Amino acid sequence: MADRGPVALVAREPAARRRDWLIVPLWVALLAPLLDWGLPNRNMDEILFGGPAWRAERFAAVDAAAERSGRRAGADRDLNPVDRSSGGLVELTHSDAARAEILRRFRLFSHQPDEMITFMALQRMRPRQLDLDPGLYQYGGAWIYGVGAALAVGAAGGLLTLSSDPDVYLEAPELFGRFYVAARLLSLISGGLLLFAVLRIGRRLGGPWCGPVAAVLVMICPVFITMSLEAKPHLPSAAAATWAVLLALRHLEHPRPAGAVRMGAAIGAAFGLVLTGLCAALVLLALPLARRLQARSHPPKAEAGAARSHLFRAALVAVLVYAACNPYVVRNALFDRALLFDNLSNSTAMYTVARFAEGALRTADLLAEAGGTMMLVAGLPGVLLIAWHAPGRAALLLAPAMGVLLMSVALAAGKPGEFGRFLIIPAVVSAVSAAWLACLLARRSRWAGGLMLVALTIFTGRHSLYYVGAFALDGSNNHTRAWAARHLDERLGPDERVAVTQEPAPYSVPPLRFATRTIILLPRTEPPGLEAEALPEWLVLTADDEHAVSQSWWSRYYALDAAFKVSQSPPQITWASKPVLLFRRTDVR
């Protein structure tokens, strides 16, 4: 089908165009009160220490910071990984140094497991020696240096306390908590910029009302809410990729060298923020196809030679922007490959390309969670109809999303709910397509279009309210981890031990008396000849639901004692108010 051009495009006054930018501060104002979720503080000190909080010197943080700064290894590498080679039970609290390592995490880490690595990357830099290598390359320099700049601005304004002495933050963890708020604010602003791009894309595809409707539907997508409130580069990268689509649509209509440069800069920024942003480069591959599809009904607005020149210009700018944001990737690729591969291998070890059928089913499930089932159901026919009416524009809209979906199909098998963070762009496309379909129906029957919008808003919005509630709860001292911590503290006997399945941190284990209690790490597989009496009397972990642990080897030794969660179907993508499960050994009465 030939590209019939945009539907019902209208000329708009410059003042109206400027009003579109109001969506950025609007989005920031809506979610800013939730930015303080899951931050380190002193609210649980009584439980963590079983008495007065430790003085800073007992944490031995200065030595740990010096070791991290001096090591030539990826910033996200564990300095002292637990030795699991024996395959048996491992006591994590065998010494004051081991207890201090656990307590440092509860003093400095948030409830989101990946947020801290940005600050680890910043901490290992040595600006006075002109060493700004973050040692972290899956998160791009555009993100890491951007967070560093935000912290510097906050400190200059008196909002943050910057110190090279980690003891400052160990005695006052709320000071470190402000770092997370500053970094999350970058994500939140990026969400507003993505909404602006969606507003303009919707208008280009479906007329004046399609843009605002699409922006509202994106706002209520659970994954968009979640990633707007996490200090991670995935939403900023998705925003840059969405801008690349918008600029490509503009370039398709008005091909100019300057437009190609801007499009290339957006693609380079998407990749420069996080490695998965490379999917934005698929816009460059889709652009020649979009031109051919459009040429069937519209004369080409640029000669073939000029079009190739624009494409080359955009690709070159994208590479240069990435290199400018990540100079140490280029440098280490040439002169220090061991450091580069150390970090990248740490990331790739978490993902295995296999089980494509299972990956496809898991991707569909996660996409329904990320954007809402109703949005997915309405978005699919919307995409097909956009492709029918405007195949060239559809090719540009779908290009990055298809790249993300293919990646997810290859990697998503067996992944937990938080893997849905990678599906921001497909969720955005689903919302834009659903808005396009609703506006198309409204032009034929206002009642039909209105009913569809009401249904989308109610069903998706109701699901999103669980996410908002989880963040709001986690920003208080009355969240699931606190519930579990208080319950455990009341139930545990003086000499009873606690088992964990992951190294204790605020996101994986609720606060316990780590300063005095014996904590045992269970092995991944059952040790041969294990006797039940050797296992700790209690086991605690965070998980989406109790069924997620039914296949674990230890499940035959433990019975669920209590589950602390915000709803029967808790939000999966976010770490806010994550369900905490408490088990008791079955032979203990």
Protein backbone atom coordinates (compact mmCIF):
# COMPACT_ATOMS: atom_id res chain seq x y z
CA MET A 1 0.00 0.00 0.00
CA ALA A 2 1.44 3.42 -0.91
CA ASP A 3 2.11 5.94 1.83
CA ARG A 4 -0.94 8.24 1.88
CA GLY A 5 0.78 10.79 4.08
CA PRO A 6 -0.23 12.05 7.51
CA VAL A 7 -3.86 11.99 8.44
CA ALA A 8 -5.52 15.40 9.03
CA LEU A 9 -2.32 17.34 9.62
CA VAL A 10 -3.08 20.92 10.48
CA ALA A 11 -0.98 24.05 10.54
CA ARG A 12 -0.37 25.29 14.02
CA GLU A 13 0.68 28.64 15.37
CA PRO A 14 4.16 29.05 16.94
CA ALA A 15 2.57 29.88 20.31
CA ALA A 16 0.68 26.58 20.26
CA ARG A 17 3.90 24.75 19.42
CA ARG A 18 5.61 26.35 22.38
CA ARG A 19 2.78 25.21 24.65
CA ASP A 20 3.71 21.61 23.86
CA TRP A 21 6.82 22.05 26.00
CA LEU A 22 4.62 22.46 29.07
CA ILE A 23 4.27 18.68 29.14
CA VAL A 24 7.85 18.40 30.44
CA PRO A 25 7.39 20.41 33.68
CA LEU A 26 3.92 18.89 34.05
CA TRP A 27 5.33 15.37 34.12
CA VAL A 28 8.10 16.38 36.50
CA ALA A 29 5.61 18.04 38.85
CA LEU A 30 3.32 14.98 38.82
CA LEU A 31 5.94 12.43 39.87
CA ALA A 32 8.51 14.52 41.76
CA PRO A 33 6.88 13.70 45.15
CA LEU A 34 7.71 10.02 44.56
CA LEU A 35 11.43 10.48 43.89
CA ASP A 36 12.41 9.70 47.49
CA TRP A 37 11.33 6.04 47.44
CA GLY A 38 13.64 3.37 48.85
CA LEU A 39 16.47 5.68 49.97
CA PRO A 40 19.10 4.89 52.60
CA ASN A 41 18.29 6.42 56.00
CA ARG A 42 18.57 5.76 59.73
CA ASN A 43 14.98 4.66 60.31
CA MET A 44 15.87 0.98 60.80
CA ASP A 45 19.08 1.46 62.82
CA GLU A 46 17.65 -0.21 65.90
CA ILE A 47 17.02 -3.40 63.94
CA LEU A 48 20.22 -3.25 61.84
CA PHE A 49 22.59 -2.81 64.77
CA GLY A 50 20.63 -4.24 67.70
CA GLY A 51 21.68 -1.19 69.68
CA PRO A 52 23.49 2.08 68.99
CA ALA A 53 24.55 2.57 65.37
CA TRP A 54 28.18 1.90 64.57
CA ARG A 55 30.61 4.76 64.42
CA ALA A 56 31.91 5.41 60.91
CA GLU A 57 35.35 3.89 61.49
CA ARG A 58 33.86 0.45 62.18
CA PHE A 59 32.54 0.26 58.61
CA ALA A 60 36.09 0.41 57.18
CA ALA A 61 34.67 2.27 54.19
CA VAL A 62 37.76 4.41 53.52
CA ASP A 63 39.87 1.34 52.78
CA ALA A 64 37.14 -0.19 50.60
CA ALA A 65 36.79 3.05 48.62
CA ALA A 66 40.54 3.27 48.11
CA GLU A 67 40.63 -0.34 46.91
CA ARG A 68 37.82 0.26 44.43
CA SER A 69 39.43 3.42 43.09
CA GLY A 70 42.78 1.70 42.64
CA ARG A 71 41.57 -1.51 40.98
CA ARG A 72 41.73 -1.87 37.24
CA ALA A 73 38.43 -3.71 36.97
CA GLY A 74 34.86 -2.89 36.06
CA ALA A 75 33.18 -0.50 38.49
CA ASP A 76 30.35 -2.96 39.06
CA ARG A 77 32.66 -5.81 40.06
CA ASP A 78 32.25 -7.08 43.63
CA LEU A 79 35.42 -6.27 45.56
CA ASN A 80 35.09 -9.35 47.78
CA PRO A 81 32.81 -11.91 46.14
CA VAL A 82 31.54 -14.69 48.35
CA ASP A 83 33.39 -17.95 47.79
CA ARG A 84 30.76 -20.50 46.82
CA SER A 85 33.20 -23.05 45.47
CA SER A 86 32.58 -25.49 48.33
CA GLY A 87 28.90 -25.78 47.39
CA GLY A 88 27.90 -25.71 51.05
CA LEU A 89 26.33 -23.27 53.46
CA VAL A 90 28.29 -20.02 53.75
CA GLU A 91 28.25 -17.90 56.90
CA LEU A 92 28.18 -14.25 55.84
CA THR A 93 28.65 -12.80 59.32
CA HIS A 94 31.77 -14.69 60.42
CA SER A 95 33.77 -11.53 61.23
CA ASP A 96 33.40 -7.81 61.90
CA ALA A 97 34.77 -7.11 58.41
CA ALA A 98 32.09 -9.31 56.84
CA ARG A 99 29.37 -7.66 58.93
CA ALA A 100 30.71 -4.23 57.96
CA GLU A 101 30.48 -5.05 54.26
CA ILE A 102 26.80 -5.96 54.63
CA LEU A 103 26.01 -2.91 56.75
CA ARG A 104 27.73 -0.58 54.25
CA ARG A 105 25.22 -1.72 51.64
CA PHE A 106 22.31 -0.95 53.94
CA ARG A 107 23.85 2.44 54.64
CA LEU A 108 24.44 3.46 51.01
CA PHE A 109 22.38 1.35 48.60
CA SER A 110 18.77 2.01 47.58
CA HIS A 111 15.99 -0.51 47.05
CA GLN A 112 16.89 -0.65 43.33
CA PRO A 113 19.87 -2.99 42.80
CA ASP A 114 21.37 -1.22 39.77
CA GLU A 115 21.24 2.40 40.90
CA MET A 116 24.38 2.26 43.04
CA ILE A 117 26.72 1.25 40.21
CA THR A 118 26.53 4.74 38.70
CA PHE A 119 27.91 6.18 41.94
CA MET A 120 30.53 3.42 42.09
CA ALA A 121 31.66 4.50 38.63
CA LEU A 122 31.87 8.13 39.73
CA GLN A 123 33.72 7.19 42.92
CA ARG A 124 36.46 5.29 41.11
CA MET A 125 37.37 8.29 38.95
CA ARG A 126 40.42 10.39 39.88
CA PRO A 127 39.86 13.85 38.38
CA ARG A 128 43.06 15.29 39.90
CA GLN A 129 45.03 12.71 37.91
CA LEU A 130 42.88 13.48 34.85
CA ASP A 131 41.43 9.97 35.07
CA LEU A 132 37.71 10.16 34.28
CA ASP A 133 37.37 6.55 33.20
CA PRO A 134 34.13 5.29 34.83
CA GLY A 135 35.05 1.62 34.39
CA LEU A 136 31.40 1.06 33.50
CA TYR A 137 30.52 0.73 29.83
CA GLN A 138 27.08 -0.84 29.56
CA TYR A 139 25.92 2.43 31.10
CA GLY A 140 27.27 5.08 28.76
CA GLY A 141 29.25 8.16 29.61
CA ALA A 142 26.33 10.37 28.60
CA TRP A 143 24.52 8.98 31.66
CA ILE A 144 27.41 8.71 34.12
CA TYR A 145 28.89 12.14 33.39
CA GLY A 146 25.38 13.58 33.33
CA VAL A 147 24.74 12.28 36.85
CA GLY A 148 28.11 13.65 37.93
CA ALA A 149 27.18 17.05 36.54
CA ALA A 150 23.80 16.93 38.33
CA LEU A 151 25.55 16.20 41.64
CA ALA A 152 27.97 19.09 41.08
CA VAL A 153 25.10 21.48 40.34
CA GLY A 154 23.21 20.27 43.42
CA ALA A 155 26.27 20.76 45.61
CA ALA A 156 26.87 24.24 44.19
CA GLY A 157 23.29 25.11 45.05
CA GLY A 158 23.64 23.80 48.60
CA LEU A 159 21.23 20.93 48.03
CA LEU A 160 23.82 18.14 48.23
CA THR A 161 26.91 17.41 50.29
CA LEU A 162 29.84 16.21 48.18
CA SER A 163 32.72 14.65 50.13
CA SER A 164 35.54 12.27 49.28
CA ASP A 165 35.23 10.83 52.79
CA PRO A 166 32.68 7.97 52.75
CA ASP A 167 32.41 8.13 56.54
CA VAL A 168 30.31 11.28 56.11
CA TYR A 169 27.57 9.26 54.43
CA LEU A 170 27.85 6.23 56.69
CA GLU A 171 26.97 8.32 59.72
CA ALA A 172 24.33 10.31 57.81
CA PRO A 173 23.02 8.02 55.03
CA GLU A 174 20.24 10.45 54.18
CA LEU A 175 22.93 12.72 52.69
CA PHE A 176 23.80 9.95 50.24
CA GLY A 177 20.11 9.39 49.60
CA ARG A 178 19.95 12.85 48.02
CA PHE A 179 22.32 11.62 45.30
CA TYR A 180 19.66 9.15 44.19
CA VAL A 181 17.04 11.89 44.06
CA ALA A 182 19.31 14.03 41.86
CA ALA A 183 19.99 11.15 39.47
CA ARG A 184 16.32 10.11 39.39
CA LEU A 185 15.39 13.68 38.50
CA LEU A 186 17.37 13.24 35.27
CA SER A 187 15.24 10.20 34.43
CA LEU A 188 12.07 12.09 35.27
CA ILE A 189 13.01 15.03 33.03
CA SER A 190 13.89 12.55 30.27
CA GLY A 191 10.39 11.13 30.63
CA GLY A 192 8.97 14.59 29.97
CA LEU A 193 11.14 14.93 26.87
CA LEU A 194 9.91 11.56 25.63
CA LEU A 195 6.31 12.71 26.13
CA PHE A 196 7.00 15.84 24.08
CA ALA A 197 8.34 13.68 21.23
CA VAL A 198 5.29 11.40 21.50
CA LEU A 199 3.03 14.45 21.33
CA ARG A 200 4.62 15.53 18.05
CA ILE A 201 4.78 12.01 16.59
CA GLY A 202 1.09 11.45 17.36
CA ARG A 203 0.13 14.67 15.58
CA ARG A 204 2.18 13.72 12.52
CA LEU A 205 0.53 10.32 12.34
CA GLY A 206 -3.06 10.98 13.30
CA GLY A 207 -3.91 14.65 13.47
CA PRO A 208 -4.18 17.26 16.23
CA TRP A 209 -5.88 15.12 18.89
CA CYS A 210 -3.75 12.02 18.40
CA GLY A 211 -0.68 13.66 19.95
CA PRO A 212 -2.22 14.59 23.33
CA VAL A 213 -4.09 11.27 23.54
CA ALA A 214 -0.88 9.34 22.81
CA ALA A 215 1.01 11.33 25.47
CA VAL A 216 -1.65 10.58 28.09
CA LEU A 217 -1.63 6.86 27.25
CA VAL A 218 2.16 6.77 27.54
CA MET A 219 1.91 8.52 30.92
CA ILE A 220 -0.15 5.68 32.38
CA CYS A 221 2.10 2.87 31.12
CA PRO A 222 3.54 1.10 34.21
CA VAL A 223 7.03 0.79 32.71
CA PHE A 224 7.09 4.50 31.90
CA ILE A 225 6.12 5.41 35.47
CA THR A 226 8.67 2.99 36.87
CA MET A 227 11.60 4.12 34.77
CA SER A 228 10.78 7.79 35.35
CA LEU A 229 11.51 7.15 39.03
CA GLU A 230 14.70 5.07 38.76
CA ALA A 231 18.24 6.40 38.44
CA LYS A 232 19.00 4.33 35.37
CA PRO A 233 19.76 5.32 31.76
CA HIS A 234 17.08 3.24 30.06
CA LEU A 235 14.41 5.94 29.97
CA PRO A 236 16.80 8.73 28.87
CA SER A 237 17.99 6.39 26.10
CA ALA A 238 14.39 5.58 25.10
CA ALA A 239 13.65 9.33 25.04
CA ALA A 240 16.59 9.90 22.67
CA ALA A 241 15.42 7.00 20.47
CA THR A 242 11.89 8.47 20.37
CA TRP A 243 13.36 11.81 19.34
CA ALA A 244 15.29 9.99 16.62
CA VAL A 245 11.97 8.66 15.29
CA LEU A 246 10.44 12.15 15.40
CA LEU A 247 13.42 13.69 13.61
CA ALA A 248 13.34 10.89 11.03
CA LEU A 249 9.66 11.62 10.36
CA ARG A 250 10.53 15.29 9.90
CA HIS A 251 13.42 14.38 7.63
CA LEU A 252 11.14 12.19 5.54
CA GLU A 253 8.90 15.20 4.93
CA HIS A 254 11.66 17.83 4.63
CA PRO A 255 15.05 16.23 3.90
CA ARG A 256 17.79 18.69 4.86
CA PRO A 257 21.42 18.24 5.96
CA ALA A 258 20.75 19.94 9.30
CA GLY A 259 17.87 17.54 9.97
CA ALA A 260 20.17 14.59 9.28
CA VAL A 261 22.68 15.96 11.78
CA ARG A 262 20.04 16.29 14.50
CA MET A 263 18.75 12.79 13.81
CA GLY A 264 22.26 11.37 14.04
CA ALA A 265 22.87 13.22 17.31
CA ALA A 266 19.72 11.69 18.83
CA ILE A 267 20.79 8.19 17.74
CA GLY A 268 24.29 8.71 19.14
CA ALA A 269 22.83 9.95 22.42
CA ALA A 270 20.55 6.90 22.72
CA PHE A 271 23.53 4.57 22.29
CA GLY A 272 25.77 6.81 24.38
CA LEU A 273 23.43 6.49 27.36
CA VAL A 274 23.17 2.68 27.45
CA LEU A 275 24.28 -0.11 25.11
CA THR A 276 20.74 -1.23 24.27
CA GLY A 277 20.19 2.23 22.79
CA LEU A 278 21.90 0.90 19.68
CA CYS A 279 18.40 -0.12 18.56
CA ALA A 280 17.82 3.56 17.73
CA ALA A 281 20.25 3.16 14.83
CA LEU A 282 17.62 1.01 13.10
CA VAL A 283 15.94 4.29 12.17
CA LEU A 284 18.77 4.82 9.67
CA LEU A 285 18.06 1.43 8.10
CA ALA A 286 14.33 2.14 7.97
CA LEU A 287 14.70 5.57 6.36
CA PRO A 288 15.54 4.34 2.81
CA LEU A 289 12.61 1.90 3.03
CA ALA A 290 10.32 4.71 4.19
CA ARG A 291 11.41 6.84 1.22
CA ARG A 292 10.65 4.06 -1.24
CA LEU A 293 7.24 3.45 0.28
CA GLN A 294 6.43 7.15 0.24
CA ALA A 295 7.65 7.55 -3.35
CA ARG A 296 4.80 5.33 -4.58
CA SER A 297 2.34 8.15 -3.99
CA HIS A 298 4.52 11.22 -3.46
CA PRO A 299 7.43 12.40 -5.59
CA PRO A 300 10.72 12.09 -3.66
CA LYS A 301 11.79 15.39 -2.08
CA ALA A 302 15.51 14.60 -2.32
CA GLU A 303 17.60 13.05 -5.09
CA ALA A 304 19.05 9.62 -4.44
CA GLY A 305 22.56 11.02 -4.08
CA ALA A 306 21.47 13.66 -1.58
CA ALA A 307 19.48 11.06 0.37
CA ARG A 308 22.55 8.82 0.66
CA SER A 309 24.62 11.81 1.72
CA HIS A 310 22.13 12.68 4.45
CA LEU A 311 22.13 9.08 5.65
CA PHE A 312 25.93 8.96 5.78
CA ARG A 313 26.00 12.31 7.58
CA ALA A 314 23.54 11.06 10.22
CA ALA A 315 25.51 7.84 10.76
CA LEU A 316 28.78 9.74 11.11
CA VAL A 317 27.29 12.17 13.63
CA ALA A 318 25.85 9.25 15.63
CA VAL A 319 29.29 7.62 15.86
CA LEU A 320 30.96 10.90 16.82
CA VAL A 321 28.38 11.65 19.51
CA TYR A 322 28.82 8.17 20.98
CA ALA A 323 32.61 8.53 20.96
CA ALA A 324 32.40 11.99 22.56
CA CYS A 325 30.20 10.60 25.34
CA ASN A 326 32.33 7.47 25.80
CA PRO A 327 35.95 8.40 25.10
CA TYR A 328 37.29 5.66 27.38
CA VAL A 329 35.46 2.96 25.44
CA VAL A 330 37.39 4.08 22.36
CA ARG A 331 40.63 4.43 24.33
CA ASN A 332 40.35 1.07 26.10
CA ALA A 333 39.31 -0.71 22.90
CA LEU A 334 42.71 0.37 21.55
CA PHE A 335 44.96 0.27 24.62
CA ASP A 336 43.30 -1.51 27.58
CA ARG A 337 40.97 -4.19 26.32
CA ALA A 338 41.22 -6.18 29.54
CA LEU A 339 39.40 -3.46 31.50
CA LEU A 340 36.82 -3.00 28.75
CA PHE A 341 36.04 -6.70 28.50
CA ASP A 342 36.05 -7.12 32.29
CA ASN A 343 33.09 -4.80 32.58
CA LEU A 344 31.26 -5.95 29.46
CA SER A 345 31.66 -9.63 30.37
CA ASN A 346 30.15 -8.92 33.78
CA SER A 347 27.04 -7.65 31.99
CA THR A 348 26.85 -10.28 29.25
CA ALA A 349 27.17 -13.04 31.86
CA MET A 350 23.65 -12.16 33.03
CA TYR A 351 22.12 -12.76 29.59
CA THR A 352 22.15 -15.88 27.45
CA VAL A 353 20.81 -16.03 23.91
CA ALA A 354 18.69 -19.19 23.93
CA ARG A 355 15.14 -20.61 24.13
CA PHE A 356 13.57 -18.25 21.63
CA ALA A 357 10.05 -19.67 21.94
CA GLU A 358 10.10 -19.25 25.70
CA GLY A 359 11.65 -15.81 25.22
CA ALA A 360 8.82 -14.79 22.90
CA LEU A 361 6.16 -15.85 25.42
CA ARG A 362 7.97 -14.10 28.24
CA THR A 363 8.33 -10.96 26.11
CA ALA A 364 4.58 -10.91 25.43
CA ASP A 365 3.89 -11.32 29.14
CA LEU A 366 6.33 -8.57 30.10
CA LEU A 367 5.02 -6.23 27.40
CA ALA A 368 1.49 -6.67 28.78
CA GLU A 369 2.88 -5.78 32.21
CA ALA A 370 4.92 -2.86 30.87
CA GLY A 371 2.16 -1.16 28.89
CA GLY A 372 -1.00 -2.85 30.11
CA THR A 373 -2.89 -5.69 28.47
CA MET A 374 -5.59 -3.41 27.06
CA MET A 375 -2.97 -1.11 25.55
CA LEU A 376 -1.31 -4.08 23.87
CA VAL A 377 -4.63 -5.40 22.55
CA ALA A 378 -5.56 -1.98 21.10
CA GLY A 379 -2.04 -1.18 19.92
CA LEU A 380 -1.64 -4.20 17.65
CA PRO A 381 -4.52 -3.39 15.25
CA GLY A 382 -3.48 0.26 15.53
CA VAL A 383 0.00 -0.57 14.25
CA LEU A 384 -1.44 -2.59 11.39
CA LEU A 385 -3.75 0.25 10.37
CA ILE A 386 -0.95 2.83 10.55
CA ALA A 387 1.09 0.54 8.30
CA TRP A 388 -1.85 0.39 5.88
CA HIS A 389 -2.47 4.14 5.77
CA ALA A 390 1.15 5.34 6.04
CA PRO A 391 3.64 2.49 5.56
CA GLY A 392 6.65 4.80 5.30
CA ARG A 393 5.94 6.46 8.61
CA ALA A 394 5.09 3.12 10.17
CA ALA A 395 8.52 1.79 9.17
CA LEU A 396 10.22 4.63 11.07
CA LEU A 397 7.93 4.31 14.07
CA LEU A 398 8.47 0.57 14.38
CA ALA A 399 12.20 0.31 13.65
CA PRO A 400 13.66 0.79 17.18
CA ALA A 401 10.76 -1.08 18.79
CA MET A 402 11.32 -4.13 16.57
CA GLY A 403 15.00 -4.12 17.50
CA VAL A 404 14.12 -4.09 21.19
CA LEU A 405 11.55 -6.86 20.77
CA LEU A 406 14.00 -9.09 18.89
CA MET A 407 16.57 -8.55 21.63
CA SER A 408 13.99 -9.41 24.25
CA VAL A 409 12.90 -12.59 22.47
CA ALA A 410 16.53 -13.70 22.44
CA LEU A 411 17.20 -12.91 26.10
CA ALA A 412 13.94 -12.85 28.09
CA ALA A 413 13.51 -16.57 28.76
CA GLY A 414 13.36 -17.11 32.51
CA LYS A 415 13.89 -13.43 33.31
CA PRO A 416 12.10 -11.79 36.27
CA GLY A 417 9.58 -8.97 35.96
CA GLU A 418 12.15 -6.17 36.17
CA PHE A 419 13.47 -7.24 32.74
CA GLY A 420 10.45 -5.34 31.45
CA ARG A 421 12.49 -2.12 31.84
CA PHE A 422 13.92 -2.84 28.39
CA LEU A 423 10.47 -2.65 26.80
CA ILE A 424 9.87 1.10 27.13
CA ILE A 425 9.99 1.77 23.39
CA PRO A 426 7.58 -1.05 22.41
CA ALA A 427 5.21 0.14 25.16
CA VAL A 428 5.41 3.68 23.75
CA VAL A 429 4.67 2.44 20.22
CA SER A 430 1.74 0.43 21.55
CA ALA A 431 0.32 3.55 23.26
CA VAL A 432 0.80 5.72 20.15
CA SER A 433 -0.89 3.09 17.99
CA ALA A 434 -3.78 2.72 20.43
CA ALA A 435 -4.22 6.52 20.40
CA TRP A 436 -4.20 6.52 16.59
CA LEU A 437 -6.89 3.82 16.53
CA ALA A 438 -9.03 5.67 19.10
CA CYS A 439 -8.82 8.90 17.12
CA LEU A 440 -9.69 7.06 13.91
CA LEU A 441 -12.78 5.60 15.59
CA ALA A 442 -13.70 9.02 17.00
CA ARG A 443 -13.77 10.53 13.51
CA ARG A 444 -16.40 7.95 12.57
CA SER A 445 -18.22 7.79 15.90
CA ARG A 446 -17.41 9.96 18.88
CA TRP A 447 -19.09 7.46 21.14
CA ALA A 448 -16.94 4.57 19.88
CA GLY A 449 -13.69 6.52 20.14
CA GLY A 450 -14.58 7.92 23.54
CA LEU A 451 -15.58 4.51 24.87
CA MET A 452 -12.26 3.04 23.72
CA LEU A 453 -10.31 5.81 25.44
CA VAL A 454 -12.27 5.38 28.65
CA ALA A 455 -11.64 1.63 28.61
CA LEU A 456 -7.90 2.11 27.97
CA THR A 457 -7.60 4.70 30.70
CA ILE A 458 -9.54 2.71 33.29
CA PHE A 459 -7.93 -0.69 32.74
CA THR A 460 -4.37 0.54 32.25
CA GLY A 461 -4.68 3.34 34.79
CA ARG A 462 -5.98 0.99 37.47
CA HIS A 463 -2.94 -1.24 36.95
CA SER A 464 -0.64 1.78 37.04
CA LEU A 465 -2.12 2.91 40.35
CA TYR A 466 -0.62 -0.20 41.94
CA TYR A 467 2.78 1.03 40.78
CA VAL A 468 2.19 4.56 42.05
CA GLY A 469 1.02 3.12 45.37
CA ALA A 470 4.11 0.93 45.62
CA PHE A 471 6.40 3.93 45.12
CA ALA A 472 4.44 6.04 47.58
CA LEU A 473 4.55 3.27 50.19
CA ASP A 474 8.26 2.72 49.67
CA GLY A 475 8.91 6.40 50.28
CA SER A 476 7.60 6.00 53.82
CA ASN A 477 8.95 3.97 56.70
CA ASN A 478 5.97 1.66 56.37
CA HIS A 479 6.76 -0.49 53.33
CA THR A 480 6.99 -4.24 52.75
CA ARG A 481 10.64 -4.51 53.78
CA ALA A 482 9.95 -2.62 57.01
CA TRP A 483 6.92 -4.84 57.72
CA ALA A 484 9.04 -7.95 57.28
CA ALA A 485 11.92 -6.54 59.33
CA ARG A 486 9.70 -5.74 62.32
CA HIS A 487 7.88 -9.07 62.05
CA LEU A 488 11.16 -10.98 61.96
CA ASP A 489 12.66 -9.03 64.82
CA GLU A 490 9.71 -9.97 67.00
CA ARG A 491 9.68 -13.65 65.99
CA LEU A 492 13.38 -14.59 65.99
CA GLY A 493 14.79 -16.32 69.03
CA PRO A 494 18.11 -15.09 70.50
CA ASP A 495 20.21 -17.83 68.87
CA GLU A 496 18.15 -18.55 65.76
CA ARG A 497 19.87 -18.12 62.42
CA VAL A 498 18.53 -16.65 59.18
CA ALA A 499 19.13 -18.06 55.71
CA VAL A 500 19.26 -15.92 52.57
CA THR A 501 19.51 -16.84 48.90
CA GLN A 502 21.36 -13.68 47.84
CA GLU A 503 23.99 -11.54 49.53
CA PRO A 504 22.13 -9.17 51.87
CA ALA A 505 21.38 -5.72 50.47
CA PRO A 506 18.36 -3.41 50.85
CA TYR A 507 16.79 -4.72 47.65
CA SER A 508 17.21 -8.46 48.34
CA VAL A 509 16.80 -8.84 52.11
CA PRO A 510 14.89 -6.76 54.68
CA PRO A 511 16.87 -5.14 57.51
CA LEU A 512 18.04 -7.68 60.09
CA ARG A 513 20.36 -7.49 63.08
CA PHE A 514 23.39 -8.00 60.87
CA ALA A 515 25.68 -6.64 63.59
CA THR A 516 24.81 -9.53 65.93
CA ARG A 517 22.78 -12.18 64.07
CA THR A 518 24.19 -15.21 62.19
CA ILE A 519 23.28 -15.01 58.51
CA ILE A 520 23.78 -18.02 56.22
CA LEU A 521 23.90 -17.93 52.42
CA LEU A 522 22.31 -21.02 50.86
CA PRO A 523 24.05 -22.63 47.86
CA ARG A 524 22.42 -22.70 44.45
CA THR A 525 22.08 -26.49 44.55
CA GLU A 526 21.47 -28.80 47.49
CA PRO A 527 24.70 -29.93 49.19
CA PRO A 528 25.15 -33.72 49.26
CA GLY A 529 24.33 -35.34 52.57
CA LEU A 530 22.63 -32.23 53.93
CA GLU A 531 20.78 -32.68 57.22
CA ALA A 532 17.81 -30.45 57.94
CA GLU A 533 19.21 -29.44 61.35
CA ALA A 534 22.17 -27.76 59.62
CA LEU A 535 19.86 -25.30 57.89
CA PRO A 536 18.95 -22.03 59.61
CA GLU A 537 15.61 -21.90 61.37
CA TRP A 538 14.36 -19.04 59.15
CA LEU A 539 14.72 -18.03 55.51
CA VAL A 540 13.87 -14.64 54.03
CA LEU A 541 13.99 -13.23 50.49
CA THR A 542 12.30 -10.85 48.09
CA ALA A 543 10.39 -12.31 45.14
CA ASP A 544 7.39 -11.42 43.00
CA ASP A 545 5.30 -14.14 44.65
CA GLU A 546 5.64 -17.34 46.67
CA HIS A 547 5.19 -19.51 43.58
CA ALA A 548 8.47 -18.18 42.18
CA VAL A 549 10.42 -20.20 44.75
CA SER A 550 8.48 -23.46 44.53
CA GLN A 551 11.16 -25.06 42.34
CA SER A 552 14.05 -24.23 44.69
CA TRP A 553 15.81 -27.15 46.32
CA TRP A 554 15.27 -25.75 49.80
CA SER A 555 11.47 -25.52 49.37
CA ARG A 556 11.04 -29.03 50.82
CA TYR A 557 12.74 -27.98 54.04
CA TYR A 558 10.82 -24.73 54.57
CA ALA A 559 7.18 -23.67 54.72
CA LEU A 560 5.90 -20.16 54.06
CA ASP A 561 5.33 -18.38 57.36
CA ALA A 562 4.38 -14.89 56.14
CA ALA A 563 4.23 -12.86 52.91
CA PHE A 564 4.46 -9.08 52.93
CA LYS A 565 3.15 -7.49 49.74
CA VAL A 566 1.03 -4.58 48.60
CA SER A 567 -1.58 -6.55 46.63
CA GLN A 568 -2.51 -10.03 45.48
CA SER A 569 -0.91 -9.27 42.10
CA PRO A 570 2.02 -7.03 43.04
CA PRO A 571 3.71 -4.87 40.39
CA GLN A 572 6.50 -6.86 38.79
CA ILE A 573 8.73 -4.36 37.00
CA THR A 574 9.45 -2.06 39.93
CA TRP A 575 11.58 -2.80 42.99
CA ALA A 576 9.46 -0.47 45.10
CA SER A 577 7.58 -2.34 47.85
CA LYS A 578 8.81 -5.66 46.46
CA PRO A 579 7.09 -8.63 48.14
CA VAL A 580 9.12 -10.11 51.01
CA LEU A 581 8.62 -13.79 51.82
CA LEU A 582 9.44 -15.35 55.18
CA PHE A 583 9.86 -19.11 55.57
CA ARG A 584 10.30 -21.28 58.66
CA ARG A 585 12.03 -24.65 58.71
CA THR A 586 9.32 -27.31 58.77
CA ASP A 587 10.82 -29.32 61.65
CA VAL A 588 11.04 -26.28 63.94
CA ARG A 589 8.10 -25.66 66.27
